[in-house]
Full PDB file with SEQRES, HELIX, SHEET, SSBOND, CRYST1, ORIGX, SCALE, CONECT and MASTER records, all heavy atoms in Angstrom:
SEQRES   1 A   38  LEU LEU THR GLY LEU LEU LEU VAL ALA GLY ILE GLY CYS          
SEQRES   2 A   38  VAL ILE TRP PRO LYS GLU LEU TRP MET ALA HIS PHE GLY          
SEQRES   3 A   38  VAL GLY VAL GLY VAL VAL ALA THR PHE GLY LEU VAL              
HELIX    1 AA1 LEU A    2  ILE A   15  1                                  14    
HELIX    2 AA2 LYS A   18  LEU A   37  1                                  20    
CRYST1    1.000    1.000    1.000  90.00  90.00  90.00 P 1           1          
ORIGX1      1.000000  0.000000  0.000000        0.00000                         
ORIGX2      0.000000  1.000000  0.000000        0.00000                         
ORIGX3      0.000000  0.000000  1.000000        0.00000                         
SCALE1      1.000000  0.000000  0.000000        0.00000                         
SCALE2      0.000000  1.000000  0.000000        0.00000                         
SCALE3      0.000000  0.000000  1.000000        0.00000                         
ATOM      1  N   LEU A   1      22.908 -41.931  64.582  1.00  0.00           N  
ATOM      2  CA  LEU A   1      23.857 -40.838  64.656  1.00  0.00           C  
ATOM      3  C   LEU A   1      24.294 -40.385  63.285  1.00  0.00           C  
ATOM      4  O   LEU A   1      24.449 -39.245  62.977  1.00  0.00           O  
ATOM      5  CB  LEU A   1      25.075 -41.227  65.529  1.00  0.00           C  
ATOM      6  CG  LEU A   1      24.776 -41.484  66.961  1.00  0.00           C  
ATOM      7  CD1 LEU A   1      25.996 -41.987  67.727  1.00  0.00           C  
ATOM      8  CD2 LEU A   1      24.203 -40.234  67.686  1.00  0.00           C  
ATOM      9  N   LEU A   2      24.621 -41.389  62.378  1.00  0.00           N  
ATOM     10  CA  LEU A   2      25.012 -41.047  61.025  1.00  0.00           C  
ATOM     11  C   LEU A   2      23.893 -40.339  60.257  1.00  0.00           C  
ATOM     12  O   LEU A   2      24.170 -39.327  59.562  1.00  0.00           O  
ATOM     13  CB  LEU A   2      25.457 -42.299  60.274  1.00  0.00           C  
ATOM     14  CG  LEU A   2      25.983 -42.108  58.845  1.00  0.00           C  
ATOM     15  CD1 LEU A   2      27.158 -41.182  58.879  1.00  0.00           C  
ATOM     16  CD2 LEU A   2      26.345 -43.461  58.256  1.00  0.00           C  
ATOM     17  N   THR A   3      22.692 -40.785  60.440  1.00  0.00           N  
ATOM     18  CA  THR A   3      21.573 -40.090  59.752  1.00  0.00           C  
ATOM     19  C   THR A   3      21.502 -38.638  60.266  1.00  0.00           C  
ATOM     20  O   THR A   3      21.333 -37.751  59.438  1.00  0.00           O  
ATOM     21  CB  THR A   3      20.205 -40.814  60.106  1.00  0.00           C  
ATOM     22  OG1 THR A   3      20.360 -42.185  59.596  1.00  0.00           O  
ATOM     23  CG2 THR A   3      19.059 -40.172  59.431  1.00  0.00           C  
ATOM     24  N   GLY A   4      21.565 -38.459  61.581  1.00  0.00           N  
ATOM     25  CA  GLY A   4      21.503 -37.128  62.150  1.00  0.00           C  
ATOM     26  C   GLY A   4      22.644 -36.253  61.610  1.00  0.00           C  
ATOM     27  O   GLY A   4      22.476 -35.056  61.237  1.00  0.00           O  
ATOM     28  N   LEU A   5      23.845 -36.865  61.579  1.00  0.00           N  
ATOM     29  CA  LEU A   5      25.029 -36.117  61.072  1.00  0.00           C  
ATOM     30  C   LEU A   5      24.862 -35.698  59.637  1.00  0.00           C  
ATOM     31  O   LEU A   5      25.169 -34.586  59.265  1.00  0.00           O  
ATOM     32  CB  LEU A   5      26.287 -36.964  61.211  1.00  0.00           C  
ATOM     33  CG  LEU A   5      27.605 -36.330  60.741  1.00  0.00           C  
ATOM     34  CD1 LEU A   5      27.905 -35.055  61.518  1.00  0.00           C  
ATOM     35  CD2 LEU A   5      28.758 -37.341  60.827  1.00  0.00           C  
ATOM     36  N   LEU A   6      24.372 -36.623  58.791  1.00  0.00           N  
ATOM     37  CA  LEU A   6      24.233 -36.282  57.374  1.00  0.00           C  
ATOM     38  C   LEU A   6      23.159 -35.206  57.166  1.00  0.00           C  
ATOM     39  O   LEU A   6      23.337 -34.280  56.360  1.00  0.00           O  
ATOM     40  CB  LEU A   6      23.808 -37.539  56.582  1.00  0.00           C  
ATOM     41  CG  LEU A   6      24.943 -38.590  56.439  1.00  0.00           C  
ATOM     42  CD1 LEU A   6      24.435 -39.826  55.768  1.00  0.00           C  
ATOM     43  CD2 LEU A   6      26.172 -38.035  55.685  1.00  0.00           C  
ATOM     44  N   LEU A   7      22.056 -35.307  57.903  1.00  0.00           N  
ATOM     45  CA  LEU A   7      21.040 -34.246  57.786  1.00  0.00           C  
ATOM     46  C   LEU A   7      21.542 -32.910  58.300  1.00  0.00           C  
ATOM     47  O   LEU A   7      21.335 -31.894  57.649  1.00  0.00           O  
ATOM     48  CB  LEU A   7      19.794 -34.647  58.617  1.00  0.00           C  
ATOM     49  CG  LEU A   7      18.981 -35.810  57.998  1.00  0.00           C  
ATOM     50  CD1 LEU A   7      17.909 -36.299  59.012  1.00  0.00           C  
ATOM     51  CD2 LEU A   7      18.306 -35.395  56.702  1.00  0.00           C  
ATOM     52  N   VAL A   8      22.217 -32.920  59.446  1.00  0.00           N  
ATOM     53  CA  VAL A   8      22.755 -31.638  59.939  1.00  0.00           C  
ATOM     54  C   VAL A   8      23.827 -31.028  59.056  1.00  0.00           C  
ATOM     55  O   VAL A   8      23.826 -29.861  58.734  1.00  0.00           O  
ATOM     56  CB  VAL A   8      23.354 -31.838  61.378  1.00  0.00           C  
ATOM     57  CG1 VAL A   8      24.204 -30.659  61.797  1.00  0.00           C  
ATOM     58  CG2 VAL A   8      22.298 -32.082  62.381  1.00  0.00           C  
ATOM     59  N   ALA A   9      24.702 -31.923  58.533  1.00  0.00           N  
ATOM     60  CA  ALA A   9      25.764 -31.396  57.613  1.00  0.00           C  
ATOM     61  C   ALA A   9      25.142 -30.884  56.298  1.00  0.00           C  
ATOM     62  O   ALA A   9      25.570 -29.831  55.796  1.00  0.00           O  
ATOM     63  CB  ALA A   9      26.752 -32.503  57.338  1.00  0.00           C  
ATOM     64  N   GLY A  10      24.124 -31.603  55.805  1.00  0.00           N  
ATOM     65  CA  GLY A  10      23.528 -31.147  54.564  1.00  0.00           C  
ATOM     66  C   GLY A  10      22.736 -29.811  54.752  1.00  0.00           C  
ATOM     67  O   GLY A  10      22.907 -28.864  53.935  1.00  0.00           O  
ATOM     68  N   ILE A  11      21.985 -29.713  55.822  1.00  0.00           N  
ATOM     69  CA  ILE A  11      21.281 -28.481  56.085  1.00  0.00           C  
ATOM     70  C   ILE A  11      22.271 -27.327  56.374  1.00  0.00           C  
ATOM     71  O   ILE A  11      22.108 -26.206  55.917  1.00  0.00           O  
ATOM     72  CB  ILE A  11      20.287 -28.639  57.263  1.00  0.00           C  
ATOM     73  CG1 ILE A  11      19.159 -29.529  56.830  1.00  0.00           C  
ATOM     74  CG2 ILE A  11      19.762 -27.305  57.730  1.00  0.00           C  
ATOM     75  CD1 ILE A  11      18.235 -30.018  57.978  1.00  0.00           C  
ATOM     76  N   GLY A  12      23.372 -27.716  57.116  1.00  0.00           N  
ATOM     77  CA  GLY A  12      24.374 -26.692  57.406  1.00  0.00           C  
ATOM     78  C   GLY A  12      25.035 -26.143  56.148  1.00  0.00           C  
ATOM     79  O   GLY A  12      25.333 -24.966  56.094  1.00  0.00           O  
ATOM     80  N   CYS A  13      25.207 -27.040  55.162  1.00  0.00           N  
ATOM     81  CA  CYS A  13      25.816 -26.548  53.924  1.00  0.00           C  
ATOM     82  C   CYS A  13      24.946 -25.475  53.239  1.00  0.00           C  
ATOM     83  O   CYS A  13      25.457 -24.590  52.527  1.00  0.00           O  
ATOM     84  CB  CYS A  13      26.013 -27.751  52.962  1.00  0.00           C  
ATOM     85  SG  CYS A  13      27.446 -28.743  53.354  1.00  0.00           S  
ATOM     86  N   VAL A  14      23.630 -25.648  53.449  1.00  0.00           N  
ATOM     87  CA  VAL A  14      22.689 -24.707  52.799  1.00  0.00           C  
ATOM     88  C   VAL A  14      22.516 -23.469  53.590  1.00  0.00           C  
ATOM     89  O   VAL A  14      22.479 -22.375  52.966  1.00  0.00           O  
ATOM     90  CB  VAL A  14      21.328 -25.476  52.601  1.00  0.00           C  
ATOM     91  CG1 VAL A  14      20.272 -24.495  52.029  1.00  0.00           C  
ATOM     92  CG2 VAL A  14      21.465 -26.643  51.670  1.00  0.00           C  
ATOM     93  N   ILE A  15      22.384 -23.549  54.864  1.00  0.00           N  
ATOM     94  CA  ILE A  15      22.052 -22.356  55.653  1.00  0.00           C  
ATOM     95  C   ILE A  15      23.208 -21.618  56.345  1.00  0.00           C  
ATOM     96  O   ILE A  15      23.025 -20.481  56.743  1.00  0.00           O  
ATOM     97  CB  ILE A  15      20.892 -22.690  56.700  1.00  0.00           C  
ATOM     98  CG1 ILE A  15      21.476 -23.601  57.771  1.00  0.00           C  
ATOM     99  CG2 ILE A  15      19.653 -23.259  56.007  1.00  0.00           C  
ATOM    100  CD1 ILE A  15      20.475 -23.846  58.942  1.00  0.00           C  
ATOM    101  N   TRP A  16      24.312 -22.317  56.524  1.00  0.00           N  
ATOM    102  CA  TRP A  16      25.456 -21.683  57.220  1.00  0.00           C  
ATOM    103  C   TRP A  16      26.409 -21.173  56.204  1.00  0.00           C  
ATOM    104  O   TRP A  16      26.665 -21.791  55.175  1.00  0.00           O  
ATOM    105  CB  TRP A  16      26.189 -22.720  58.071  1.00  0.00           C  
ATOM    106  CG  TRP A  16      25.467 -23.205  59.298  1.00  0.00           C  
ATOM    107  CD1 TRP A  16      24.453 -22.639  59.949  1.00  0.00           C  
ATOM    108  CD2 TRP A  16      25.749 -24.452  59.964  1.00  0.00           C  
ATOM    109  NE1 TRP A  16      24.075 -23.429  61.027  1.00  0.00           N  
ATOM    110  CE2 TRP A  16      24.811 -24.532  61.042  1.00  0.00           C  
ATOM    111  CE3 TRP A  16      26.689 -25.441  59.742  1.00  0.00           C  
ATOM    112  CZ2 TRP A  16      24.821 -25.582  61.909  1.00  0.00           C  
ATOM    113  CZ3 TRP A  16      26.639 -26.559  60.645  1.00  0.00           C  
ATOM    114  CH2 TRP A  16      25.743 -26.617  61.690  1.00  0.00           C  
ATOM    115  N   PRO A  17      27.039 -19.996  56.476  1.00  0.00           N  
ATOM    116  CA  PRO A  17      28.217 -19.630  55.644  1.00  0.00           C  
ATOM    117  C   PRO A  17      29.314 -20.598  55.818  1.00  0.00           C  
ATOM    118  O   PRO A  17      29.376 -21.302  56.835  1.00  0.00           O  
ATOM    119  CB  PRO A  17      28.567 -18.257  56.178  1.00  0.00           C  
ATOM    120  CG  PRO A  17      27.685 -17.917  57.292  1.00  0.00           C  
ATOM    121  CD  PRO A  17      26.685 -19.028  57.481  1.00  0.00           C  
ATOM    122  N   LYS A  18      30.238 -20.693  54.852  1.00  0.00           N  
ATOM    123  CA  LYS A  18      31.299 -21.630  54.892  1.00  0.00           C  
ATOM    124  C   LYS A  18      32.102 -21.571  56.195  1.00  0.00           C  
ATOM    125  O   LYS A  18      32.482 -22.630  56.775  1.00  0.00           O  
ATOM    126  CB  LYS A  18      32.184 -21.396  53.722  1.00  0.00           C  
ATOM    127  CG  LYS A  18      33.369 -22.347  53.616  1.00  0.00           C  
ATOM    128  CD  LYS A  18      34.273 -22.048  52.421  1.00  0.00           C  
ATOM    129  CE  LYS A  18      35.487 -22.851  52.377  1.00  0.00           C  
ATOM    130  NZ  LYS A  18      36.398 -22.479  51.287  1.00  0.00           N  
ATOM    131  N   GLU A  19      32.388 -20.381  56.679  1.00  0.00           N  
ATOM    132  CA  GLU A  19      33.212 -20.153  57.859  1.00  0.00           C  
ATOM    133  C   GLU A  19      32.500 -20.762  59.116  1.00  0.00           C  
ATOM    134  O   GLU A  19      33.128 -21.375  59.980  1.00  0.00           O  
ATOM    135  CB  GLU A  19      33.511 -18.689  58.115  1.00  0.00           C  
ATOM    136  CG  GLU A  19      34.365 -18.059  57.055  1.00  0.00           C  
ATOM    137  CD  GLU A  19      33.600 -17.672  55.783  1.00  0.00           C  
ATOM    138  OE1 GLU A  19      32.345 -17.615  55.840  1.00  0.00           O  
ATOM    139  OE2 GLU A  19      34.257 -17.469  54.730  1.00  0.00           O  
ATOM    140  N   LEU A  20      31.185 -20.540  59.187  1.00  0.00           N  
ATOM    141  CA  LEU A  20      30.429 -21.080  60.308  1.00  0.00           C  
ATOM    142  C   LEU A  20      30.402 -22.659  60.267  1.00  0.00           C  
ATOM    143  O   LEU A  20      30.517 -23.298  61.261  1.00  0.00           O  
ATOM    144  CB  LEU A  20      28.986 -20.535  60.327  1.00  0.00           C  
ATOM    145  CG  LEU A  20      28.138 -20.937  61.525  1.00  0.00           C  
ATOM    146  CD1 LEU A  20      28.748 -20.528  62.860  1.00  0.00           C  
ATOM    147  CD2 LEU A  20      26.726 -20.316  61.392  1.00  0.00           C  
ATOM    148  N   TRP A  21      30.189 -23.197  59.027  1.00  0.00           N  
ATOM    149  CA  TRP A  21      30.211 -24.643  58.880  1.00  0.00           C  
ATOM    150  C   TRP A  21      31.513 -25.189  59.347  1.00  0.00           C  
ATOM    151  O   TRP A  21      31.544 -26.239  60.076  1.00  0.00           O  
ATOM    152  CB  TRP A  21      29.915 -24.995  57.392  1.00  0.00           C  
ATOM    153  CG  TRP A  21      29.497 -26.424  57.212  1.00  0.00           C  
ATOM    154  CD1 TRP A  21      28.225 -26.859  57.106  1.00  0.00           C  
ATOM    155  CD2 TRP A  21      30.356 -27.568  57.091  1.00  0.00           C  
ATOM    156  NE1 TRP A  21      28.238 -28.242  56.903  1.00  0.00           N  
ATOM    157  CE2 TRP A  21      29.552 -28.710  56.905  1.00  0.00           C  
ATOM    158  CE3 TRP A  21      31.744 -27.791  57.150  1.00  0.00           C  
ATOM    159  CZ2 TRP A  21      30.012 -29.992  56.764  1.00  0.00           C  
ATOM    160  CZ3 TRP A  21      32.234 -29.081  57.045  1.00  0.00           C  
ATOM    161  CH2 TRP A  21      31.397 -30.115  56.824  1.00  0.00           C  
ATOM    162  N   MET A  22      32.616 -24.595  58.963  1.00  0.00           N  
ATOM    163  CA  MET A  22      33.913 -25.066  59.351  1.00  0.00           C  
ATOM    164  C   MET A  22      34.135 -24.924  60.861  1.00  0.00           C  
ATOM    165  O   MET A  22      34.749 -25.770  61.447  1.00  0.00           O  
ATOM    166  CB  MET A  22      35.056 -24.301  58.639  1.00  0.00           C  
ATOM    167  CG  MET A  22      35.023 -24.674  57.077  1.00  0.00           C  
ATOM    168  SD  MET A  22      35.228 -26.385  56.723  1.00  0.00           S  
ATOM    169  CE  MET A  22      36.844 -26.712  57.363  1.00  0.00           C  
ATOM    170  N   ALA A  23      33.633 -23.822  61.426  1.00  0.00           N  
ATOM    171  CA  ALA A  23      33.754 -23.648  62.915  1.00  0.00           C  
ATOM    172  C   ALA A  23      32.992 -24.726  63.662  1.00  0.00           C  
ATOM    173  O   ALA A  23      33.502 -25.342  64.609  1.00  0.00           O  
ATOM    174  CB  ALA A  23      33.214 -22.285  63.276  1.00  0.00           C  
ATOM    175  N   HIS A  24      31.782 -25.047  63.206  1.00  0.00           N  
ATOM    176  CA  HIS A  24      30.976 -26.118  63.801  1.00  0.00           C  
ATOM    177  C   HIS A  24      31.665 -27.452  63.591  1.00  0.00           C  
ATOM    178  O   HIS A  24      31.688 -28.283  64.503  1.00  0.00           O  
ATOM    179  CB  HIS A  24      29.548 -26.115  63.197  1.00  0.00           C  
ATOM    180  CG  HIS A  24      28.699 -25.077  63.826  1.00  0.00           C  
ATOM    181  ND1 HIS A  24      27.431 -25.434  64.347  1.00  0.00           N  
ATOM    182  CD2 HIS A  24      28.795 -23.716  63.979  1.00  0.00           C  
ATOM    183  CE1 HIS A  24      26.850 -24.299  64.811  1.00  0.00           C  
ATOM    184  NE2 HIS A  24      27.637 -23.305  64.605  1.00  0.00           N  
ATOM    185  N   PHE A  25      32.201 -27.691  62.470  1.00  0.00           N  
ATOM    186  CA  PHE A  25      32.952 -28.888  62.155  1.00  0.00           C  
ATOM    187  C   PHE A  25      34.126 -29.095  63.147  1.00  0.00           C  
ATOM    188  O   PHE A  25      34.333 -30.128  63.718  1.00  0.00           O  
ATOM    189  CB  PHE A  25      33.466 -28.912  60.713  1.00  0.00           C  
ATOM    190  CG  PHE A  25      34.217 -30.145  60.347  1.00  0.00           C  
ATOM    191  CD1 PHE A  25      33.593 -31.354  60.067  1.00  0.00           C  
ATOM    192  CD2 PHE A  25      35.621 -30.123  60.299  1.00  0.00           C  
ATOM    193  CE1 PHE A  25      34.282 -32.492  59.782  1.00  0.00           C  
ATOM    194  CE2 PHE A  25      36.345 -31.247  59.947  1.00  0.00           C  
ATOM    195  CZ  PHE A  25      35.644 -32.434  59.691  1.00  0.00           C  
ATOM    196  N   GLY A  26      34.842 -27.981  63.360  1.00  0.00           N  
ATOM    197  CA  GLY A  26      35.938 -27.966  64.315  1.00  0.00           C  
ATOM    198  C   GLY A  26      35.495 -28.317  65.744  1.00  0.00           C  
ATOM    199  O   GLY A  26      36.200 -29.026  66.473  1.00  0.00           O  
ATOM    200  N   VAL A  27      34.332 -27.761  66.147  1.00  0.00           N  
ATOM    201  CA  VAL A  27      33.812 -28.088  67.467  1.00  0.00           C  
ATOM    202  C   VAL A  27      33.477 -29.565  67.510  1.00  0.00           C  
ATOM    203  O   VAL A  27      33.864 -30.267  68.508  1.00  0.00           O  
ATOM    204  CB  VAL A  27      32.532 -27.233  67.762  1.00  0.00           C  
ATOM    205  CG1 VAL A  27      31.895 -27.718  69.075  1.00  0.00           C  
ATOM    206  CG2 VAL A  27      32.891 -25.792  67.886  1.00  0.00           C  
ATOM    207  N   GLY A  28      32.809 -30.093  66.512  1.00  0.00           N  
ATOM    208  CA  GLY A  28      32.489 -31.526  66.501  1.00  0.00           C  
ATOM    209  C   GLY A  28      33.688 -32.401  66.606  1.00  0.00           C  
ATOM    210  O   GLY A  28      33.786 -33.337  67.388  1.00  0.00           O  
ATOM    211  N   VAL A  29      34.773 -32.123  65.823  1.00  0.00           N  
ATOM    212  CA  VAL A  29      35.982 -32.895  65.816  1.00  0.00           C  
ATOM    213  C   VAL A  29      36.708 -32.745  67.159  1.00  0.00           C  
ATOM    214  O   VAL A  29      37.136 -33.743  67.722  1.00  0.00           O  
ATOM    215  CB  VAL A  29      36.926 -32.423  64.651  1.00  0.00           C  
ATOM    216  CG1 VAL A  29      38.301 -33.042  64.820  1.00  0.00           C  
ATOM    217  CG2 VAL A  29      36.329 -32.824  63.313  1.00  0.00           C  
ATOM    218  N   GLY A  30      36.717 -31.530  67.689  1.00  0.00           N  
ATOM    219  CA  GLY A  30      37.364 -31.325  69.026  1.00  0.00           C  
ATOM    220  C   GLY A  30      36.661 -32.111  70.110  1.00  0.00           C  
ATOM    221  O   GLY A  30      37.260 -32.717  70.976  1.00  0.00           O  
ATOM    222  N   VAL A  31      35.320 -32.121  70.061  1.00  0.00           N  
ATOM    223  CA  VAL A  31      34.532 -32.874  71.099  1.00  0.00           C  
ATOM    224  C   VAL A  31      34.827 -34.345  70.969  1.00  0.00           C  
ATOM    225  O   VAL A  31      35.058 -35.003  72.001  1.00  0.00           O  
ATOM    226  CB  VAL A  31      33.015 -32.576  70.954  1.00  0.00           C  
ATOM    227  CG1 VAL A  31      32.181 -33.569  71.689  1.00  0.00           C  
ATOM    228  CG2 VAL A  31      32.729 -31.156  71.352  1.00  0.00           C  
ATOM    229  N   VAL A  32      34.796 -34.864  69.769  1.00  0.00           N  
ATOM    230  CA  VAL A  32      35.082 -36.292  69.568  1.00  0.00           C  
ATOM    231  C   VAL A  32      36.459 -36.651  70.029  1.00  0.00           C  
ATOM    232  O   VAL A  32      36.687 -37.653  70.658  1.00  0.00           O  
ATOM    233  CB  VAL A  32      34.782 -36.706  68.092  1.00  0.00           C  
ATOM    234  CG1 VAL A  32      35.331 -38.137  67.784  1.00  0.00           C  
ATOM    235  CG2 VAL A  32      33.328 -36.652  67.806  1.00  0.00           C  
ATOM    236  N   ALA A  33      37.432 -35.826  69.665  1.00  0.00           N  
ATOM    237  CA  ALA A  33      38.833 -36.088  70.040  1.00  0.00           C  
ATOM    238  C   ALA A  33      39.038 -36.063  71.590  1.00  0.00           C  
ATOM    239  O   ALA A  33      39.591 -36.979  72.150  1.00  0.00           O  
ATOM    240  CB  ALA A  33      39.815 -35.109  69.421  1.00  0.00           C  
ATOM    241  N   THR A  34      38.425 -35.075  72.215  1.00  0.00           N  
ATOM    242  CA  THR A  34      38.585 -34.920  73.664  1.00  0.00           C  
ATOM    243  C   THR A  34      37.894 -36.029  74.410  1.00  0.00           C  
ATOM    244  O   THR A  34      38.509 -36.746  75.252  1.00  0.00           O  
ATOM    245  CB  THR A  34      37.989 -33.565  74.120  1.00  0.00           C  
ATOM    246  OG1 THR A  34      38.692 -32.514  73.423  1.00  0.00           O  
ATOM    247  CG2 THR A  34      38.127 -33.398  75.585  1.00  0.00           C  
ATOM    248  N   PHE A  35      36.605 -36.237  74.158  1.00  0.00           N  
ATOM    249  CA  PHE A  35      35.874 -37.275  74.826  1.00  0.00           C  
ATOM    250  C   PHE A  35      36.245 -38.711  74.372  1.00  0.00           C  
ATOM    251  O   PHE A  35      36.137 -39.631  75.122  1.00  0.00           O  
ATOM    252  CB  PHE A  35      34.387 -37.077  74.705  1.00  0.00           C  
ATOM    253  CG  PHE A  35      33.912 -35.951  75.540  1.00  0.00           C  
ATOM    254  CD1 PHE A  35      33.697 -34.665  74.976  1.00  0.00           C  
ATOM    255  CD2 PHE A  35      33.661 -36.102  76.866  1.00  0.00           C  
ATOM    256  CE1 PHE A  35      33.258 -33.581  75.781  1.00  0.00           C  
ATOM    257  CE2 PHE A  35      33.215 -35.055  77.687  1.00  0.00           C  
ATOM    258  CZ  PHE A  35      33.029 -33.782  77.120  1.00  0.00           C  
ATOM    259  N   GLY A  36      36.771 -38.767  73.143  1.00  0.00           N  
ATOM    260  CA  GLY A  36      37.304 -40.062  72.651  1.00  0.00           C  
ATOM    261  C   GLY A  36      38.509 -40.508  73.434  1.00  0.00           C  
ATOM    262  O   GLY A  36      38.660 -41.679  73.711  1.00  0.00           O  
ATOM    263  N   LEU A  37      39.349 -39.585  73.771  1.00  0.00           N  
ATOM    264  CA  LEU A  37      40.495 -39.943  74.607  1.00  0.00           C  
ATOM    265  C   LEU A  37      40.089 -40.392  76.009  1.00  0.00           C  
ATOM    266  O   LEU A  37      40.647 -41.318  76.558  1.00  0.00           O  
ATOM    267  CB  LEU A  37      41.483 -38.730  74.767  1.00  0.00           C  
ATOM    268  CG  LEU A  37      42.353 -38.497  73.575  1.00  0.00           C  
ATOM    269  CD1 LEU A  37      43.121 -37.130  73.758  1.00  0.00           C  
ATOM    270  CD2 LEU A  37      43.381 -39.573  73.377  1.00  0.00           C  
ATOM    271  N   VAL A  38      39.082 -39.706  76.555  1.00  0.00           N  
ATOM    272  CA  VAL A  38      38.558 -40.125  77.872  1.00  0.00           C  
ATOM    273  C   VAL A  38      38.012 -41.560  77.752  1.00  0.00           C  
ATOM    274  O   VAL A  38      38.240 -42.416  78.625  1.00  0.00           O  
ATOM    275  CB  VAL A  38      37.472 -39.173  78.373  1.00  0.00           C  
ATOM    276  CG1 VAL A  38      36.844 -39.675  79.663  1.00  0.00           C  
ATOM    277  CG2 VAL A  38      38.092 -37.777  78.603  1.00  0.00           C  
TER     278      VAL A  38                                                      
MASTER        0    0    0    2    0    0    0    6  277    1    0    3          
END                                                                             
C-alpha cells in the first residue's frame, strides 16, 4: 500500500494540477477517516 501510495502521489505531483492533487488527497483522507471509524 505504501509503495502504491508513493507512486500515485509522485505521478500525481507531475500530472495533476495542485488543486486536483489536493482534492484527491482530501478524498483519500476522508475515506480513511470514515472507514477508519467504522
